[in-house]
Protein backbone atom coordinates (compact mmCIF):
# COMPACT_ATOMS: atom_id res chain seq x y z
CA MET A 1 20.61 -30.74 54.28
CA GLU A 2 22.98 -28.59 52.41
CA ASN A 3 21.72 -25.13 51.16
CA GLN A 4 21.30 -25.28 47.51
CA ARG A 5 22.72 -22.30 45.74
CA GLN A 6 19.84 -20.34 43.98
CA THR A 7 20.46 -18.11 40.86
CA PRO A 8 19.65 -14.77 41.65
CA ARG A 9 16.52 -13.03 40.05
CA ARG A 10 17.17 -10.45 37.63
CA ARG A 11 15.55 -7.22 38.02
CA GLY A 12 13.62 -5.29 35.53
CA ARG A 13 11.49 -6.39 32.68
CA PRO A 14 11.83 -10.03 31.37
CA PRO A 15 13.67 -10.35 28.07
CA LYS A 16 11.47 -10.49 25.07
CA SER A 17 10.60 -13.75 23.29
CA ARG A 18 11.14 -13.96 19.54
CA ALA A 19 7.31 -13.89 19.26
CA ASP A 20 7.29 -10.72 21.23
CA LEU A 21 9.93 -9.28 18.86
CA SER A 22 8.02 -10.24 16.05
CA ASP A 23 4.79 -8.62 17.37
CA THR A 24 6.41 -5.41 18.04
CA ARG A 25 7.95 -5.35 14.65
CA GLU A 26 4.59 -6.02 13.24
CA LEU A 27 2.96 -3.26 15.26
CA LEU A 28 5.49 -0.63 14.22
CA LEU A 29 4.93 -1.58 10.38
CA ARG A 30 1.20 -1.24 10.66
CA ALA A 31 1.52 2.12 12.68
CA GLY A 32 3.80 3.19 9.72
CA LEU A 33 1.34 2.23 7.11
CA GLU A 34 -1.34 4.20 8.80
CA VAL A 35 0.79 7.39 9.31
CA LEU A 36 2.25 7.38 5.94
CA THR A 37 -1.01 6.89 3.97
CA GLU A 38 -1.97 10.11 5.77
CA LYS A 39 1.15 12.12 5.88
CA GLY A 40 4.46 12.12 4.02
CA PHE A 41 7.59 10.03 4.71
CA ALA A 42 9.76 13.25 5.40
CA ALA A 43 6.99 14.91 7.67
CA THR A 44 6.73 11.58 9.61
CA GLY A 45 8.92 11.35 12.67
CA ILE A 46 9.93 8.24 14.29
CA ASP A 47 8.55 9.46 17.63
CA GLU A 48 5.19 9.69 16.05
CA ILE A 49 4.96 5.98 14.94
CA LEU A 50 6.50 4.86 18.14
CA GLY A 51 3.99 6.90 20.32
CA ARG A 52 1.11 5.01 18.39
CA VAL A 53 2.51 1.60 19.45
CA GLY A 54 3.96 2.50 22.97
CA VAL A 55 7.44 1.34 21.98
CA PRO A 56 10.53 3.12 23.59
CA LYS A 57 12.44 5.40 21.09
CA GLY A 58 15.83 3.47 21.80
CA SER A 59 14.12 0.33 20.60
CA PHE A 60 13.28 1.45 16.97
CA TYR A 61 16.89 0.56 15.91
CA HIS A 62 16.57 -2.86 17.43
CA TYR A 63 13.92 -3.81 14.77
CA PHE A 64 15.06 -1.48 11.78
CA GLU A 65 18.67 -0.32 10.81
CA SER A 66 17.48 2.93 10.04
CA LYS A 67 14.30 5.14 8.84
CA GLU A 68 15.34 4.55 5.38
CA ALA A 69 15.14 0.59 6.06
CA PHE A 70 11.86 1.03 7.66
CA GLY A 71 10.30 2.82 4.56
CA LEU A 72 11.65 0.06 2.29
CA GLN A 73 9.96 -2.47 4.23
CA LEU A 74 6.63 -0.51 4.35
CA ILE A 75 6.95 -0.02 0.38
CA THR A 76 7.07 -4.01 0.42
CA ARG A 77 4.21 -4.52 2.77
CA TYR A 78 1.86 -1.95 1.02
CA GLY A 79 2.73 -3.32 -2.14
CA ASP A 80 1.87 -6.96 -1.06
CA PHE A 81 -1.19 -5.90 0.68
CA PHE A 82 -2.67 -4.06 -2.40
CA ALA A 83 -1.55 -6.88 -4.99
CA LYS A 84 -3.82 -9.17 -2.74
CA LYS A 85 -6.62 -6.70 -2.94
CA LEU A 86 -6.12 -6.56 -6.79
CA ASP A 87 -6.22 -10.36 -7.27
CA ARG A 88 -9.36 -10.66 -4.96
CA HIS A 89 -11.18 -8.69 -7.53
CA LEU A 90 -9.23 -9.22 -10.85
CA CYS A 91 -9.16 -13.02 -10.35
CA ASN A 92 -12.71 -13.22 -9.60
CA THR A 93 -13.88 -15.61 -12.67
CA THR A 94 -17.32 -15.23 -11.60
CA LEU A 95 -17.56 -11.73 -12.94
CA ARG A 96 -16.48 -10.64 -16.62
CA PRO A 97 -13.19 -8.99 -16.92
CA LEU A 98 -14.44 -5.43 -17.06
CA GLU A 99 -16.78 -6.14 -14.19
CA ARG A 100 -13.90 -7.02 -12.11
CA LEU A 101 -11.94 -3.89 -12.70
CA ARG A 102 -15.10 -1.90 -11.89
CA ALA A 103 -15.49 -3.98 -8.70
CA PHE A 104 -11.75 -3.01 -7.79
CA VAL A 105 -12.48 0.64 -8.35
CA SER A 106 -15.54 0.67 -6.31
CA ASP A 107 -13.81 -1.25 -3.38
CA ALA A 108 -11.00 1.22 -3.53
CA MET A 109 -13.30 4.07 -3.29
CA GLU A 110 -15.15 2.81 -0.42
CA GLY A 111 -11.86 2.26 1.24
CA MET A 112 -11.05 5.97 0.81
CA ALA A 113 -14.53 7.05 2.07
CA ARG A 114 -14.24 4.75 5.15
CA HIS A 115 -11.22 6.87 6.30
CA ASP A 116 -12.91 9.99 5.38
CA TYR A 117 -10.34 10.58 2.53
CA ARG A 118 -7.37 11.05 5.10
CA ARG A 119 -5.52 8.15 3.76
CA GLY A 120 -4.21 7.89 0.15
CA CYS A 121 -1.94 5.29 -1.57
CA LEU A 122 1.39 4.98 0.22
CA ILE A 123 3.06 4.43 -3.08
CA GLY A 124 1.49 7.39 -4.71
CA ASN A 125 2.48 9.37 -1.65
CA LEU A 126 5.77 8.40 -1.56
CA GLY A 127 6.17 8.98 -5.55
CA GLN A 128 5.12 12.74 -4.90
CA GLU A 129 7.90 13.08 -2.61
CA MET A 130 10.61 11.23 -4.37
CA GLY A 131 12.88 14.36 -4.68
CA ALA A 132 13.19 14.22 -1.12
CA LEU A 133 13.33 10.57 -0.45
CA PRO A 134 16.56 8.49 -0.28
CA GLU A 135 17.24 7.30 -3.98
CA SER A 136 16.94 3.63 -3.01
CA PHE A 137 13.02 4.16 -2.95
CA ARG A 138 12.77 4.88 -6.40
CA ALA A 139 13.34 1.46 -7.94
CA HIS A 140 10.97 -0.03 -5.15
CA LEU A 141 8.13 2.27 -6.05
CA LYS A 142 8.62 1.70 -9.76
CA LYS A 143 8.56 -2.01 -9.13
CA THR A 144 5.40 -1.74 -7.46
CA PHE A 145 3.59 0.20 -9.82
CA PHE A 146 4.75 -2.12 -12.69
CA ASP A 147 3.57 -5.18 -10.73
CA TRP A 148 0.31 -3.43 -10.21
CA GLN A 149 0.05 -2.40 -13.80
CA GLU A 150 0.87 -6.14 -14.89
CA ARG A 151 -2.23 -7.52 -12.91
CA PHE A 152 -4.44 -4.88 -14.48
CA ALA A 153 -3.07 -5.72 -18.01
CA ALA A 154 -3.74 -9.34 -17.37
CA CYS A 155 -7.31 -8.68 -16.83
CA LEU A 156 -7.71 -6.48 -19.82
CA LEU A 157 -6.10 -8.98 -21.87
CA GLU A 158 -8.57 -11.56 -20.92
CA ALA A 159 -11.43 -8.79 -21.71
CA GLN A 160 -9.78 -8.56 -25.19
CA ASN A 161 -9.79 -12.25 -25.64
CA ILE A 162 -13.54 -12.71 -24.90
CA GLY A 163 -14.22 -9.79 -27.20
CA GLU A 164 -15.20 -7.21 -24.33
CA LEU A 165 -12.34 -5.10 -25.28
CA SER A 166 -11.33 -4.12 -28.97
CA ALA A 167 -8.65 -6.16 -30.67
CA GLU A 168 -6.92 -2.86 -31.53
CA ALA A 169 -6.41 -1.93 -27.84
CA LYS A 170 -3.13 -2.32 -26.08
CA PRO A 171 -3.50 -3.71 -22.62
CA TYR A 172 -0.34 -2.82 -21.10
CA GLN A 173 -0.51 0.93 -22.34
CA VAL A 174 -4.03 0.99 -21.17
CA ALA A 175 -3.22 -0.57 -17.81
CA GLU A 176 -0.41 2.02 -17.50
CA PHE A 177 -2.58 4.81 -18.18
CA PHE A 178 -5.15 3.74 -15.40
CA TRP A 179 -2.45 3.85 -12.93
CA ILE A 180 -1.19 7.18 -13.71
CA GLY A 181 -4.77 8.72 -13.71
CA TRP A 182 -6.02 6.76 -10.78
CA GLU A 183 -3.13 8.04 -8.44
CA GLY A 184 -3.88 11.56 -9.77
CA ALA A 185 -7.69 11.03 -8.75
CA VAL A 186 -6.49 9.46 -5.23
CA LEU A 187 -4.36 12.65 -4.66
CA ARG A 188 -7.08 14.92 -5.64
CA ALA A 189 -9.78 13.03 -3.62
CA LYS A 190 -7.71 13.35 -0.70
CA LEU A 191 -7.18 17.12 -1.07
CA GLU A 192 -10.95 17.81 -1.58
CA GLN A 193 -11.84 14.94 0.97
CA SER A 194 -14.41 14.06 -1.83
CA ALA A 195 -15.18 10.82 -4.04
CA ALA A 196 -15.81 13.33 -7.05
CA PRO A 197 -12.42 12.94 -8.39
CA LEU A 198 -12.38 9.42 -8.25
CA GLU A 199 -15.70 9.14 -9.66
CA LEU A 200 -14.77 11.43 -12.73
CA PHE A 201 -11.84 9.32 -13.54
CA ALA A 202 -13.51 6.08 -13.43
CA THR A 203 -16.36 7.31 -15.51
CA PHE A 204 -14.09 8.73 -18.30
CA PHE A 205 -11.64 5.55 -18.07
CA PHE A 206 -14.36 3.13 -18.68
CA VAL A 207 -16.24 5.05 -21.13
CA SER A 208 -13.02 5.65 -23.08
CA LEU A 209 -12.23 1.81 -23.28
CA PRO A 210 -12.55 0.67 -27.00
CA LYS A 211 -15.27 -2.13 -26.90
CA GLY A 212 -14.97 -5.22 -28.90
């Protein structure tokens, strides 16, 4: 019998499949969210994120063109994640509209407590750093805040339509006021490692709503 020529085996690690590449990219994004909700973008090195998932430093740029591109992906990912959290509460028709808002606030407060107030809001954190960030971040951050405000305003408008909120109230302005104040309370809660700033803001926000 003739000897059949065999393809020589390649040394080293086998090439990664598309699924492997997708999984690694997902791990990097998750690690990035964890780190950036605790620390600032400028203060976070790529090495720290890579170290959390065990990915070689030279591999980062296989998944993302730059740290800036990575940051933009994190903004999108966090914005979508938080929008789903909002919808879970604000679209819950088993509760009256203002009760839905309270449920969201309570859930968000529990989330901060669960992480011992080390993690804040990624969008708020980046907004605080905007002077030191790539200009491309600005529009993405503003778009994310606007999206959250729109969802909040829709719930407030529903409260207004059923008489829970005064007809004189302006839902879109009230929603914007909430997010401006809430992000400040989150920052303060992280600083003080306490729920007190969140509780104080929430109390005054709901008390100040003009009732129908």
